[in-house]
Protein backbone atom coordinates (compact mmCIF):
# COMPACT_ATOMS: atom_id res chain seq x y z
CA MET A 1 -106.93 -0.83 35.98
CA LEU A 2 -104.17 1.64 35.54
CA PRO A 3 -101.16 0.43 33.59
CA ILE A 4 -98.84 1.34 36.46
CA ALA A 5 -98.99 -1.85 38.45
CA GLY A 6 -98.47 -4.58 35.87
CA SER A 7 -98.86 -8.12 37.14
CA ALA A 8 -96.83 -7.89 40.34
CA PRO A 9 -97.87 -9.80 43.47
CA PRO A 10 -100.32 -8.07 45.85
CA GLU A 11 -97.66 -6.66 48.14
CA SER A 12 -95.84 -4.99 45.24
CA ARG A 13 -99.01 -3.59 43.71
CA LEU A 14 -98.79 -0.64 46.06
CA LEU A 15 -97.58 2.50 44.32
CA PHE A 16 -94.41 3.98 45.74
CA ARG A 17 -94.04 1.38 48.55
CA PRO A 18 -90.51 1.92 50.02
CA ILE A 19 -88.24 -0.90 48.78
CA GLY A 20 -85.28 -0.49 51.16
CA LYS A 21 -86.97 0.64 54.32
CA ASN A 22 -84.52 1.11 57.13
CA VAL A 23 -81.37 -1.00 56.99
CA ALA A 24 -80.81 -0.73 60.73
CA SER A 25 -84.37 -1.84 61.46
CA PHE A 26 -84.03 -4.79 59.11
CA ALA A 27 -80.72 -5.84 60.69
CA ALA A 28 -82.30 -5.54 64.13
CA ARG A 29 -85.11 -7.92 63.14
CA ILE A 30 -82.60 -10.47 61.79
CA LEU A 31 -80.60 -10.29 65.02
CA ALA A 32 -83.79 -10.64 67.08
CA ALA A 33 -84.75 -13.77 65.11
CA LEU A 34 -81.29 -15.28 65.61
CA GLY A 35 -81.43 -14.30 69.28
CA LEU A 36 -84.70 -16.17 69.74
CA ILE A 37 -83.18 -19.30 68.17
CA LEU A 38 -80.18 -19.02 70.48
CA VAL A 39 -82.47 -18.67 73.51
CA VAL A 40 -84.42 -21.78 72.52
CA THR A 41 -81.13 -23.62 72.00
CA PHE A 42 -79.77 -22.55 75.40
CA ILE A 43 -82.94 -23.51 77.25
CA SER A 44 -83.36 -26.82 75.42
CA PHE A 45 -79.70 -27.91 75.71
CA GLY A 46 -79.02 -26.36 79.12
CA PRO A 47 -81.51 -26.26 81.98
CA LEU A 48 -84.22 -28.40 80.40
CA HIS A 49 -81.90 -30.75 78.49
CA VAL A 50 -84.76 -31.99 76.29
CA ASN A 51 -84.46 -34.67 73.65
CA ALA A 52 -84.13 -34.05 69.93
CA ILE A 53 -87.87 -34.41 69.17
CA THR A 54 -88.87 -31.86 71.82
CA ALA A 55 -86.12 -29.49 70.67
CA GLY A 56 -87.39 -29.75 67.08
CA PHE A 57 -90.89 -28.77 68.16
CA LEU A 58 -89.56 -25.83 70.17
CA TYR A 59 -87.60 -24.64 67.14
CA LEU A 60 -90.75 -24.88 64.96
CA VAL A 61 -92.74 -22.83 67.47
CA ALA A 62 -90.00 -20.18 67.52
CA ILE A 63 -89.94 -20.07 63.71
CA LEU A 64 -93.76 -19.65 63.60
CA VAL A 65 -93.50 -16.77 66.09
CA ILE A 66 -90.74 -15.14 64.02
CA GLY A 67 -92.83 -15.55 60.84
CA ALA A 68 -95.89 -14.01 62.49
CA VAL A 69 -94.02 -11.07 64.00
CA GLY A 70 -91.36 -10.50 61.36
CA GLY A 71 -91.41 -11.61 57.74
CA LEU A 72 -90.38 -14.27 55.28
CA ILE A 73 -86.68 -13.36 55.20
CA GLU A 74 -86.44 -13.41 59.00
CA SER A 75 -88.18 -16.81 59.05
CA ILE A 76 -85.80 -18.32 56.48
CA VAL A 77 -82.74 -17.05 58.35
CA ALA A 78 -84.18 -18.44 61.59
CA SER A 79 -84.91 -21.81 59.87
CA ILE A 80 -81.31 -22.14 58.68
CA ALA A 81 -79.99 -21.18 62.11
CA ALA A 82 -82.37 -23.62 63.82
CA MET A 83 -81.30 -26.44 61.47
CA LEU A 84 -77.64 -25.85 62.26
CA CYS A 85 -78.27 -25.66 66.02
CA PHE A 86 -80.49 -28.76 65.90
CA ASN A 87 -77.71 -30.66 64.12
CA TYR A 88 -74.90 -29.41 66.35
CA PHE A 89 -76.55 -29.80 69.75
CA PHE A 90 -79.10 -32.61 69.36
CA LEU A 91 -78.06 -35.01 66.59
CA PRO A 92 -75.15 -37.37 67.35
CA PRO A 93 -72.29 -36.94 67.33
CA ILE A 94 -73.08 -33.95 69.60
CA GLY A 95 -70.89 -30.89 69.12
CA THR A 96 -70.22 -31.43 65.44
CA LEU A 97 -72.08 -30.69 62.23
CA THR A 98 -71.61 -34.27 61.01
CA ILE A 99 -74.30 -36.96 61.26
CA GLU A 100 -73.52 -40.66 61.84
CA ASN A 101 -76.94 -42.22 61.41
CA PRO A 102 -78.41 -41.77 57.88
CA GLN A 103 -81.88 -41.68 59.40
CA ASN A 104 -80.88 -38.50 61.20
CA TRP A 105 -80.22 -36.90 57.80
CA ILE A 106 -83.81 -37.63 56.87
CA ALA A 107 -85.00 -36.16 60.17
CA LEU A 108 -82.84 -33.07 59.67
CA PHE A 109 -84.12 -32.38 56.18
CA ALA A 110 -87.70 -33.08 57.25
CA PHE A 111 -87.22 -30.55 60.05
CA PHE A 112 -85.73 -28.01 57.63
CA ALA A 113 -88.54 -28.51 55.07
CA THR A 114 -91.16 -28.21 57.80
CA SER A 115 -89.63 -25.05 59.17
CA LEU A 116 -89.41 -23.49 55.70
CA THR A 117 -93.04 -24.41 54.94
CA ALA A 118 -94.15 -23.00 58.27
CA SER A 119 -92.19 -19.84 57.55
CA GLN A 120 -93.84 -19.47 54.14
CA LEU A 121 -97.35 -20.07 55.51
CA SER A 122 -96.81 -17.71 58.44
CA ALA A 123 -95.39 -14.97 56.23
CA ARG A 124 -98.18 -15.41 53.68
CA ALA A 125 -100.87 -15.22 56.37
CA LYS A 126 -99.26 -12.09 57.73
CA ARG A 127 -99.06 -10.53 54.27
CA LEU A 128 -102.70 -11.36 53.51
CA THR A 129 -103.76 -9.90 56.85
CA ARG A 130 -101.74 -6.75 56.22
CA ASP A 131 -103.16 -6.41 52.70
CA ALA A 132 -106.69 -6.90 54.00
CA ILE A 133 -106.13 -4.18 56.59
CA LEU A 134 -104.73 -1.87 53.91
CA ARG A 135 -107.69 -2.58 51.62
CA GLN A 136 -110.09 -1.84 54.46
CA GLN A 137 -108.30 1.42 55.21
CA GLU A 138 -108.42 2.36 51.51
CA ILE A 139 -112.15 1.63 51.33
CA GLU A 140 -112.74 3.73 54.45
CA LYS A 141 -110.75 6.60 52.93
CA LEU A 142 -112.61 6.35 49.61
CA TYR A 143 -115.90 6.39 51.49
CA SER A 144 -114.80 9.45 53.45
CA LEU A 145 -113.79 11.16 50.22
CA SER A 146 -117.09 10.37 48.51
CA ARG A 147 -118.99 11.70 51.52
CA ALA A 148 -116.88 14.86 51.60
CA LEU A 149 -117.45 15.44 47.89
CA LEU A 150 -121.19 14.90 48.32
CA LEU A 151 -121.30 17.50 51.11
CA SER A 152 -119.19 20.07 49.23
CA ASP A 153 -120.35 23.65 49.53
CA PRO A 154 -121.95 24.61 46.17
CA SER A 155 -121.29 28.28 46.86
CA GLN A 156 -117.52 27.66 46.69
CA PRO A 157 -115.46 26.39 43.71
CA ILE A 158 -116.05 22.63 43.77
CA ALA A 159 -112.84 21.71 41.90
CA HIS A 160 -110.78 23.46 44.59
CA GLN A 161 -112.72 21.60 47.28
CA VAL A 162 -111.98 18.32 45.50
CA VAL A 163 -108.25 19.03 45.80
CA GLN A 164 -108.59 19.87 49.49
CA HIS A 165 -110.65 16.77 50.29
CA VAL A 166 -108.25 14.43 48.45
CA ALA A 167 -105.27 15.84 50.35
CA GLN A 168 -107.02 15.72 53.74
CA VAL A 169 -108.45 12.21 53.41
CA PHE A 170 -105.32 10.53 51.96
CA ASP A 171 -102.78 12.75 53.72
CA PHE A 172 -101.01 13.80 50.52
CA PRO A 173 -98.56 16.70 50.94
CA VAL A 174 -99.08 17.84 47.34
CA VAL A 175 -102.18 17.54 45.14
CA VAL A 176 -102.64 19.25 41.77
CA LEU A 177 -105.79 18.90 39.63
CA TYR A 178 -106.10 19.95 36.01
CA ASP A 179 -109.62 20.60 34.71
CA ARG A 180 -109.50 20.22 30.95
CA THR A 181 -113.00 21.68 30.44
CA ASN A 182 -112.04 25.19 31.51
CA ASN A 183 -108.24 24.72 31.20
CA ARG A 184 -107.64 25.56 34.86
CA ILE A 185 -105.19 24.10 37.38
CA TYR A 186 -106.08 23.78 41.07
CA LYS A 187 -103.23 23.34 43.60
CA LEU A 188 -103.06 22.45 47.25
CA ALA A 189 -99.35 23.22 47.53
CA GLU A 190 -96.70 24.50 45.21
CA LEU A 191 -94.53 21.91 43.50
CA GLU A 192 -90.89 22.25 42.63
CA GLU A 193 -90.61 22.74 38.88
CA SER A 194 -94.27 23.82 38.85
CA PRO A 195 -94.37 24.84 35.15
CA GLU A 196 -92.98 21.43 34.16
CA ILE A 197 -95.57 19.62 36.26
CA GLU A 198 -98.37 21.73 34.79
CA GLY A 199 -97.18 20.86 31.29
CA GLN A 200 -97.14 17.17 32.21
CA LEU A 201 -100.66 17.45 33.60
CA ARG A 202 -101.89 18.81 30.28
CA ASP A 203 -99.99 16.16 28.31
CA VAL A 204 -101.42 13.35 30.46
CA ALA A 205 -104.97 14.71 30.01
CA SER A 206 -104.65 15.15 26.24
CA GLN A 207 -102.83 11.83 25.58
CA SER A 208 -104.72 9.82 28.26
CA THR A 209 -101.48 8.26 29.50
CA THR A 210 -99.96 7.84 32.97
CA PHE A 211 -96.73 9.44 34.18
CA ARG A 212 -94.81 8.24 37.22
CA ASP A 213 -91.59 9.30 38.93
CA GLU A 214 -90.72 6.99 41.84
CA LYS A 215 -87.73 9.08 42.93
CA LYS A 216 -90.02 12.05 43.58
CA SER A 217 -92.94 9.84 44.68
CA LEU A 218 -94.93 11.62 41.98
CA SER A 219 -97.78 10.12 39.98
CA ILE A 220 -99.89 11.84 37.31
CA ALA A 221 -102.90 9.99 35.92
CA PRO A 222 -105.74 10.98 33.59
CA VAL A 223 -109.19 11.62 35.04
CA ARG A 224 -111.74 10.00 32.76
CA LEU A 225 -115.52 10.26 32.51
CA GLY A 226 -117.36 8.06 30.05
CA GLY A 227 -114.05 6.89 28.66
CA GLN A 228 -112.99 10.44 27.73
CA PRO A 229 -110.24 12.31 29.63
CA ILE A 230 -111.65 15.41 31.30
CA GLY A 231 -108.55 16.29 33.30
CA SER A 232 -105.62 14.85 35.21
CA LEU A 233 -104.51 14.45 38.83
CA ALA A 234 -100.98 14.73 40.25
CA VAL A 235 -100.16 13.55 43.78
CA VAL A 236 -96.96 13.18 45.78
CA GLY A 237 -96.47 10.45 48.39
CA LEU A 238 -99.01 8.05 47.00
CA PHE A 239 -99.42 4.82 48.96
CA LEU A 240 -102.42 3.11 47.37
CA SER A 241 -103.15 -0.04 45.42
CA ASP A 242 -103.89 0.50 41.75
CA ALA A 243 -107.57 -0.45 42.31
CA ALA A 244 -107.93 2.17 45.05
CA PHE A 245 -106.11 4.77 42.94
CA HIS A 246 -108.44 4.02 40.04
CA SER A 247 -111.44 4.51 42.37
CA LEU A 248 -109.92 7.76 43.58
CA LEU A 249 -109.66 9.00 39.99
CA ASN A 250 -113.31 8.05 39.40
CA LEU A 251 -114.39 10.08 42.44
CA VAL A 252 -112.35 13.04 41.20
CA ALA A 253 -114.06 12.68 37.79
CA ILE A 254 -117.46 12.80 39.49
CA GLY A 255 -116.33 15.88 41.40
CA LEU A 256 -115.24 17.62 38.17
CA GLU A 257 -118.53 16.71 36.50
CA ARG A 258 -120.42 18.11 39.46
CA ALA A 259 -118.32 21.28 39.21
CA ALA A 260 -119.26 21.62 35.55
CA SER A 261 -122.94 21.01 36.35
CA GLN A 262 -122.83 23.54 39.18
CA ALA A 263 -121.23 26.10 36.87
CA ALA A 264 -124.00 25.55 34.33
CA VAL A 265 -126.63 25.93 37.05
CA ASN A 266 -124.97 29.13 38.25
CA ARG A 267 -124.91 30.53 34.73
CA ALA A 268 -128.60 29.65 34.32
CA GLU A 269 -129.46 31.32 37.62
CA ILE A 270 -127.49 34.41 36.68
CA ALA A 271 -129.22 34.52 33.32
CA THR A 272 -132.63 34.11 34.96
CA GLN A 273 -131.89 36.82 37.51
CA SER A 274 -130.67 39.04 34.69
CA GLU A 275 -133.90 38.50 32.76
CA GLU A 276 -135.97 39.17 35.87
CA LEU A 277 -133.97 42.33 36.57
CA LYS A 278 -134.41 43.45 32.97
CA SER A 279 -138.14 42.84 33.19
CA THR A 280 -138.38 44.80 36.45
CA LEU A 281 -136.36 47.70 35.07
CA LEU A 282 -138.40 47.81 31.88
CA ASP A 283 -141.62 47.80 33.89
CA ALA A 284 -140.36 50.74 35.91
CA ILE A 285 -139.16 52.58 32.79
CA ALA A 286 -142.45 51.83 31.04
CA HIS A 287 -144.43 53.60 33.71
CA GLU A 288 -142.16 56.63 33.35
CA PHE A 289 -142.66 56.57 29.57
CA LYS A 290 -146.36 55.89 29.64
CA THR A 291 -147.26 58.94 31.73
CA PRO A 292 -145.81 61.60 29.40
CA LEU A 293 -146.97 59.64 26.32
CA THR A 294 -150.51 59.61 27.68
CA SER A 295 -150.35 63.35 28.22
CA ILE A 296 -148.95 63.94 24.69
CA LYS A 297 -151.63 61.75 23.17
CA ALA A 298 -154.40 63.52 25.07
CA VAL A 299 -153.17 66.92 23.89
CA THR A 300 -152.74 65.89 20.23
CA THR A 301 -156.15 64.21 20.18
CA ASP A 302 -157.76 67.32 21.63
CA LEU A 303 -155.99 69.58 19.12
CA LEU A 304 -156.88 67.39 16.14
CA SER A 305 -160.52 67.14 17.20
CA GLY A 306 -160.84 70.94 17.05
CA SER A 307 -162.55 71.12 20.43
CA VAL A 308 -160.36 74.09 21.45
CA HIS A 309 -160.06 75.92 18.14
CA GLU A 310 -159.44 74.98 14.55
CA LEU A 311 -155.74 74.72 13.72
CA PRO A 312 -154.22 76.08 10.55
CA GLN A 313 -153.33 73.37 8.02
CA SER A 314 -149.57 73.61 8.59
CA GLN A 315 -149.92 73.26 12.36
CA ARG A 316 -152.43 70.46 11.97
CA GLU A 317 -149.92 68.50 9.92
CA LEU A 318 -147.26 68.98 12.60
CA VAL A 319 -149.66 67.88 15.36
CA THR A 320 -150.61 64.84 13.27
CA ILE A 321 -146.96 63.86 13.04
CA VAL A 322 -146.61 64.20 16.82
CA ASP A 323 -149.77 62.15 17.34
CA GLU A 324 -148.59 59.32 15.07
CA SER A 325 -145.12 59.34 16.65
CA ALA A 326 -146.68 59.11 20.11
CA ASP A 327 -148.70 56.09 18.97
CA ARG A 328 -145.61 54.45 17.53
CA LEU A 329 -143.51 55.14 20.63
CA SER A 330 -146.28 53.80 22.86
CA LYS A 331 -146.39 50.60 20.81
CA LEU A 332 -142.61 50.20 20.98
CA VAL A 333 -142.64 50.57 24.77
CA THR A 334 -145.49 48.07 25.08
CA ASP A 335 -143.72 45.55 22.81
CA ALA A 336 -140.47 45.86 24.76
CA ILE A 337 -142.26 45.28 28.06
CA GLN A 338 -144.13 42.25 26.74
CA LEU A 339 -140.98 40.71 25.31
CA ALA A 340 -139.02 41.26 28.52
CA ARG A 341 -141.82 39.72 30.58
CA ALA A 342 -141.98 36.73 28.25
CA GLU A 343 -138.23 36.10 28.44
CA GLY A 344 -138.21 36.64 32.18
CA GLY A 345 -141.04 34.15 32.69
CA THR A 346 -143.24 36.77 34.36
CA PHE A 347 -146.34 36.20 32.24
CA HIS A 348 -149.29 35.69 34.62
CA LEU A 349 -152.14 34.09 32.72
CA ASN A 350 -155.63 35.19 33.66
CA ARG A 351 -157.47 32.35 32.00
CA GLY A 352 -161.16 32.43 31.28
CA GLU A 353 -163.69 31.03 28.84
CA HIS A 354 -164.05 33.18 25.73
CA PHE A 355 -165.58 32.87 22.26
CA VAL A 356 -163.09 32.96 19.43
CA GLY A 357 -165.23 35.37 17.37
CA SER A 358 -165.17 37.92 20.21
CA LEU A 359 -161.38 37.69 20.51
CA ILE A 360 -160.93 38.28 16.77
CA SER A 361 -163.42 41.18 16.69
CA ALA A 362 -161.72 42.91 19.64
CA SER A 363 -158.33 42.53 17.94
CA ILE A 364 -159.60 44.03 14.66
CA ARG A 365 -161.02 47.02 16.57
CA GLN A 366 -157.61 47.64 18.12
CA MET A 367 -156.02 47.64 14.66
CA LYS A 368 -158.73 49.76 12.98
CA SER A 369 -156.59 52.90 12.82
CA LEU A 370 -153.79 51.04 10.99
CA MET A 371 -155.92 49.22 8.46
CA ASP A 372 -156.57 52.25 6.18
CA GLY A 373 -159.60 50.66 4.57
CA ARG A 374 -157.86 47.35 3.90
CA SER A 375 -160.15 44.44 3.11
CA VAL A 376 -160.17 41.99 6.00
CA THR A 377 -162.53 39.04 5.79
CA VAL A 378 -163.40 36.99 8.88
CA SER A 379 -164.67 33.43 8.73
CA VAL A 380 -165.56 31.86 12.06
CA ALA A 381 -167.64 28.70 12.31
CA ASP A 382 -170.85 29.16 14.28
CA ASP A 383 -170.45 25.94 16.27
CA LEU A 384 -166.98 26.64 17.62
CA PRO A 385 -166.73 25.91 21.35
CA PRO A 386 -165.36 28.54 23.74
CA VAL A 387 -161.66 28.44 24.53
CA ARG A 388 -159.91 28.80 27.88
CA VAL A 389 -157.21 31.46 27.45
CA ASP A 390 -156.00 34.83 28.71
CA ALA A 391 -158.13 37.06 26.47
CA ASP A 392 -155.85 40.10 26.64
CA LEU A 393 -152.73 38.15 25.71
CA ILE A 394 -154.42 36.23 22.87
CA GLN A 395 -155.64 39.55 21.46
CA VAL A 396 -152.00 40.70 21.57
CA VAL A 397 -151.07 37.63 19.49
CA ILE A 398 -153.81 38.27 16.93
CA THR A 399 -152.96 41.97 16.63
CA HIS A 400 -149.27 41.18 16.06
CA LEU A 401 -150.13 38.65 13.37
CA LEU A 402 -152.56 41.05 11.74
CA ASP A 403 -150.04 43.89 11.92
CA ASN A 404 -147.45 41.61 10.27
CA ALA A 405 -149.90 40.79 7.45
CA LEU A 406 -150.69 44.48 6.90
CA LYS A 407 -146.99 45.38 6.68
CA TYR A 408 -145.83 42.62 4.39
CA SER A 409 -148.66 42.46 1.86
CA PRO A 410 -149.71 44.95 -0.90
CA ALA A 411 -152.14 47.68 0.16
CA THR A 412 -154.73 46.46 -2.37
CA SER A 413 -154.58 42.78 -1.41
CA PRO A 414 -157.12 41.24 0.96
CA ILE A 415 -156.38 39.65 4.34
CA SER A 416 -158.44 36.78 5.67
CA ILE A 417 -158.89 35.54 9.24
CA SER A 418 -160.43 32.14 9.87
CA ALA A 419 -161.12 29.93 12.89
CA GLN A 420 -161.93 26.23 12.80
CA MET A 421 -161.69 23.04 14.85
CA LEU A 422 -158.58 20.95 14.29
CA GLY A 423 -158.72 17.83 16.40
CA ALA A 424 -159.32 18.89 20.00
CA ARG A 425 -158.12 22.46 19.46
CA VAL A 426 -159.40 25.63 17.84
CA VAL A 427 -157.00 27.01 15.23
CA ILE A 428 -156.98 30.69 14.18
CA SER A 429 -155.27 31.44 10.86
CA ILE A 430 -154.36 34.79 9.29
CA VAL A 431 -153.61 34.67 5.56
CA ASP A 432 -152.08 37.45 3.46
CA GLN A 433 -151.27 37.80 -0.25
CA GLY A 434 -147.74 39.10 0.29
CA PRO A 435 -144.56 37.98 -1.47
CA GLY A 436 -144.11 34.97 0.84
CA ILE A 437 -141.19 34.05 3.06
CA PRO A 438 -138.20 32.08 1.75
CA GLU A 439 -137.81 28.62 3.27
CA GLN A 440 -134.36 29.43 4.71
CA GLU A 441 -135.87 32.38 6.66
CA GLN A 442 -138.89 30.56 8.06
CA ALA A 443 -136.90 28.97 10.90
CA GLN A 444 -135.82 32.45 12.09
CA ILE A 445 -139.05 34.35 11.63
CA PHE A 446 -140.09 33.97 15.30
CA GLU A 447 -136.72 35.07 16.68
CA LYS A 448 -136.64 38.45 18.42
CA PHE A 449 -135.50 41.43 16.37
CA TYR A 450 -135.47 39.35 13.19
CA ARG A 451 -137.00 40.96 10.11
CA GLY A 452 -137.35 39.59 6.61
CA GLN A 453 -134.44 40.16 4.26
CA ALA A 454 -136.63 41.52 1.46
CA GLU A 455 -138.34 44.39 3.34
CA LYS A 456 -135.67 46.29 5.23
CA ASN A 457 -137.38 49.65 4.72
CA LEU A 458 -140.54 48.78 6.68
CA LYS A 459 -141.11 50.22 10.13
CA GLY A 460 -140.90 47.85 13.07
CA THR A 461 -138.58 46.27 15.60
CA GLY A 462 -138.98 42.58 14.84
CA MET A 463 -140.43 41.88 18.30
CA GLY A 464 -144.06 41.16 17.37
CA LEU A 465 -143.74 37.52 16.28
CA ALA A 466 -141.30 36.76 19.14
CA ILE A 467 -143.88 38.11 21.61
CA ALA A 468 -146.64 36.06 19.96
CA ARG A 469 -144.53 32.89 20.23
CA GLU A 470 -143.77 33.44 23.93
CA ILE A 471 -147.44 34.04 24.71
CA MET A 472 -148.40 30.78 22.97
CA ILE A 473 -145.66 28.90 24.84
CA ALA A 474 -147.03 30.31 28.11
CA HIS A 475 -150.44 28.89 27.13
CA GLY A 476 -148.87 25.53 26.26
CA GLN A 477 -149.97 25.95 22.64
CA GLU A 478 -148.34 26.35 19.23
CA ILE A 479 -147.79 28.99 16.60
CA TRP A 480 -146.59 28.08 13.10
CA LEU A 481 -146.09 29.42 9.60
CA GLU A 482 -146.92 28.14 6.12
CA SER A 483 -145.54 30.20 3.24
CA GLN A 484 -144.45 29.94 -0.37
CA ILE A 485 -142.68 32.50 -2.50
CA GLY A 486 -145.25 34.46 -4.55
CA ARG A 487 -148.25 32.89 -2.78
CA GLY A 488 -148.37 34.78 0.51
CA SER A 489 -148.10 33.57 4.11
CA LYS A 490 -150.37 31.86 6.59
CA PHE A 491 -149.77 32.23 10.34
CA SER A 492 -151.75 29.91 12.62
CA VAL A 493 -152.16 29.54 16.38
CA SER A 494 -153.86 26.80 18.39
CA LEU A 495 -156.12 27.47 21.37
CA PRO A 496 -157.31 24.97 24.00
CA VAL A 497 -161.01 24.21 24.19
CA ALA A 498 -162.57 25.04 27.56
CA PRO A 499 -162.79 21.96 29.83
CA GLY A 500 -166.15 20.19 29.93
CA VAL A 501 -167.39 21.77 26.70
CA ALA A 502 -167.67 18.41 24.93
CA ALA A 503 -169.94 17.15 27.70
CA ARG A 504 -172.44 20.00 27.41
């Protein structure tokens, strides 16, 4: 519970209940109660001329009616007036406030005690009924608020909708919400001394305390989620029990949490759309690049082959440079497209059953021009089962790993490629005799555009290993590194065995 209410009785546990309502209205109720007692006195003593016992019962009925319609104070005033009238008009000696028979004193006090008890019970029943009605109304309003928050439009700022719904459901003239997560304030209406109120909102949220100003009918309370303050709410004209106000704050907290979740979803959607747009643009640009690159490559290949005429040595060297640059630019464009597709989630796997040896052989053929006579040994077990993968993409992975080994190992050192069964998967490993990768760099080696700290002068963009990782993720498989300084590096990938192979 909020610390606003204390331990007051139920009727006083309403925040900002008016203490002195309307003096004229209160006086009118007192006069009406006295008037009813006078009417009963006139009828009982005049036309009906009933006895004292009947008059006492009539007075009790009148007091019960006053207690049911009015309140406790009206009933007490009516009880005192009825006692005096009962004594004056019905207890001998008639017409005086004195009593001759001592037994009549007992009767008078019994009547007074009964009337006071009846007044108390009547007023209490009325108060309980009124409180029950108020609680029911509060529950209905809280339900309406929860339903409104649930049906909030996700395309609009949810925190602003929370403020609107709270004001509409509870009929508050002023509602101000402070969202501590993004340090924003949402208002339904401007407050007097607005900067001061905004400062109090921030103080309440940071200190997790409650501020209340009964003169202004202003209450500011922290909005908590999981015990931690995530904001604060200020309202004017609050007329709720502390339990209902606490429930209101909980609903506001849920609304703020939903706003934060919706913002995260929107950011994710924007990021996804951005990646998809980037992938689409790169695809379009790639086609524009590929066409002139293909033409350049065809011309340089034709010139270097000597099919037209033999070039002088100086021109041949220039054409060779153009040819190598075209190859490098073509590879850069291809890598950029593959990385963009991987990040945009646009990899479309064309799975099929393939032998691991064929995948490795095809990858080595693609890298033949870059190997420059390097020693590459291949060790593939004869009894390896076929794997179910996208052959083109797995060849991309193997070529990137092989290219990485060629770049980061001495020209005279051998490179080995092996394939073996490891549990229910086939594992391909590429081992080089390079300088190794420091342990602090191994966690970053598969990040895009990351290159080792030791070899800054090597050509490359740092996209190859990132592309390989994304391709393996798309296959639901793994890629990992084992390396020690001075002992080279070993990159491994796992491939799924084709279904039903074990049963053959």
